[in-house]
């Protein structure tokens, strides 16, 4: 049980560090159209799979709004 709690705590620290390093929406939205494409995210160094992107794309329009991006990060 103690090992499980330590693993969960470590995961939380890793997640928090990743969130702190997430680039601002405007810096990822390089074409300035108010949304982020999978390609823009990849160019910004975001390590997400197509499945990750689709899961974040709540309205399934093929891009992430600022709200969708923030929720995913």
C-alpha atoms as a PDB file:
ATOM      1  CA  UNK A   1       0.000   0.000   0.000  1.00  0.00           C
ATOM      2  CA  UNK A   2       2.828   2.379   0.876  1.00  0.00           C
ATOM      3  CA  UNK A   3       4.447   1.793  -2.530  1.00  0.00           C
ATOM      4  CA  UNK A   4       1.145   2.560  -4.259  1.00  0.00           C
ATOM      5  CA  UNK A   5       0.798   5.850  -2.380  1.00  0.00           C
ATOM      6  CA  UNK A   6       4.365   6.823  -3.239  1.00  0.00           C
ATOM      7  CA  UNK A   7       3.738   6.015  -6.903  1.00  0.00           C
ATOM      8  CA  UNK A   8       0.544   8.087  -6.935  1.00  0.00           C
ATOM      9  CA  UNK A   9       2.317  11.004  -5.266  1.00  0.00           C
ATOM     10  CA  UNK A  10       5.164  10.809  -7.784  1.00  0.00           C
ATOM     11  CA  UNK A  11       2.688  10.782 -10.650  1.00  0.00           C
ATOM     12  CA  UNK A  12       1.050  13.894  -9.230  1.00  0.00           C
ATOM     13  CA  UNK A  13       4.377  15.695  -9.067  1.00  0.00           C
ATOM     14  CA  UNK A  14       5.189  14.701 -12.630  1.00  0.00           C
ATOM     15  CA  UNK A  15       1.789  15.879 -13.850  1.00  0.00           C
ATOM     16  CA  UNK A  16       2.147  19.191 -12.009  1.00  0.00           C
ATOM     17  CA  UNK A  17       5.574  19.748 -13.538  1.00  0.00           C
ATOM     18  CA  UNK A  18       4.222  18.989 -17.006  1.00  0.00           C
ATOM     19  CA  UNK A  19       1.380  21.463 -16.530  1.00  0.00           C
ATOM     20  CA  UNK A  20       3.772  24.156 -15.380  1.00  0.00           C
ATOM     21  CA  UNK A  21       5.790  23.676 -18.561  1.00  0.00           C
ATOM     22  CA  UNK A  22       2.818  23.726 -20.957  1.00  0.00           C
ATOM     23  CA  UNK A  23       3.236  26.586 -23.420  1.00  0.00           C
ATOM     24  CA  UNK A  24       0.699  29.396 -23.465  1.00  0.00           C
ATOM     25  CA  UNK A  25      -2.156  28.972 -25.925  1.00  0.00           C
ATOM     26  CA  UNK A  26      -1.172  32.016 -27.999  1.00  0.00           C
ATOM     27  CA  UNK A  27       2.359  30.736 -28.514  1.00  0.00           C
ATOM     28  CA  UNK A  28       1.070  27.404 -29.846  1.00  0.00           C
ATOM     29  CA  UNK A  29      -1.590  29.023 -32.075  1.00  0.00           C
ATOM     30  CA  UNK A  30       1.030  30.151 -34.575  1.00  0.00           C
ATOM     31  CA  UNK A  31      -1.409  31.095 -37.339  1.00  0.00           C
ATOM     32  CA  UNK A  32      -3.453  33.214 -34.931  1.00  0.00           C
ATOM     33  CA  UNK A  33      -6.828  31.767 -35.924  1.00  0.00           C
ATOM     34  CA  UNK A  34      -7.926  31.135 -32.338  1.00  0.00           C
ATOM     35  CA  UNK A  35      -7.539  27.360 -32.466  1.00  0.00           C
ATOM     36  CA  UNK A  36      -4.699  24.856 -32.283  1.00  0.00           C
ATOM     37  CA  UNK A  37      -4.279  22.133 -34.856  1.00  0.00           C
ATOM     38  CA  UNK A  38      -2.516  18.848 -34.242  1.00  0.00           C
ATOM     39  CA  UNK A  39       0.332  20.154 -36.408  1.00  0.00           C
ATOM     40  CA  UNK A  40       0.703  23.388 -34.415  1.00  0.00           C
ATOM     41  CA  UNK A  41       0.849  21.388 -31.200  1.00  0.00           C
ATOM     42  CA  UNK A  42       3.501  19.079 -32.588  1.00  0.00           C
ATOM     43  CA  UNK A  43       5.543  22.041 -33.876  1.00  0.00           C
ATOM     44  CA  UNK A  44       5.373  23.560 -30.384  1.00  0.00           C
ATOM     45  CA  UNK A  45       6.855  20.372 -28.957  1.00  0.00           C
ATOM     46  CA  UNK A  46       3.696  19.006 -27.359  1.00  0.00           C
ATOM     47  CA  UNK A  47       4.032  15.261 -27.084  1.00  0.00           C
ATOM     48  CA  UNK A  48       0.505  14.084 -27.803  1.00  0.00           C
ATOM     49  CA  UNK A  49      -0.806  11.279 -29.896  1.00  0.00           C
ATOM     50  CA  UNK A  50      -3.668  11.578 -32.335  1.00  0.00           C
ATOM     51  CA  UNK A  51      -5.859   9.850 -29.738  1.00  0.00           C
ATOM     52  CA  UNK A  52      -4.807  12.411 -27.084  1.00  0.00           C
ATOM     53  CA  UNK A  53      -5.690  15.241 -29.461  1.00  0.00           C
ATOM     54  CA  UNK A  54      -9.059  13.741 -30.360  1.00  0.00           C
ATOM     55  CA  UNK A  55      -9.885  13.236 -26.683  1.00  0.00           C
ATOM     56  CA  UNK A  56      -9.112  16.903 -25.984  1.00  0.00           C
ATOM     57  CA  UNK A  57     -11.177  18.059 -28.981  1.00  0.00           C
ATOM     58  CA  UNK A  58     -14.515  18.057 -27.126  1.00  0.00           C
ATOM     59  CA  UNK A  59     -16.588  19.322 -30.050  1.00  0.00           C
ATOM     60  CA  UNK A  60     -14.768  17.122 -32.606  1.00  0.00           C
ATOM     61  CA  UNK A  61     -14.106  19.992 -35.005  1.00  0.00           C
ATOM     62  CA  UNK A  62     -10.497  18.955 -35.644  1.00  0.00           C
ATOM     63  CA  UNK A  63      -8.883  21.733 -33.627  1.00  0.00           C
ATOM     64  CA  UNK A  64      -8.594  22.825 -30.012  1.00  0.00           C
ATOM     65  CA  UNK A  65     -10.168  26.017 -28.729  1.00  0.00           C
ATOM     66  CA  UNK A  66      -8.415  27.812 -25.899  1.00  0.00           C
ATOM     67  CA  UNK A  67     -10.820  26.210 -23.402  1.00  0.00           C
ATOM     68  CA  UNK A  68     -10.210  22.716 -24.818  1.00  0.00           C
ATOM     69  CA  UNK A  69      -6.440  23.301 -24.726  1.00  0.00           C
ATOM     70  CA  UNK A  70      -6.512  24.499 -21.124  1.00  0.00           C
ATOM     71  CA  UNK A  71      -8.678  21.551 -20.084  1.00  0.00           C
ATOM     72  CA  UNK A  72      -6.250  19.134 -21.739  1.00  0.00           C
ATOM     73  CA  UNK A  73      -3.213  20.717 -20.139  1.00  0.00           C
END
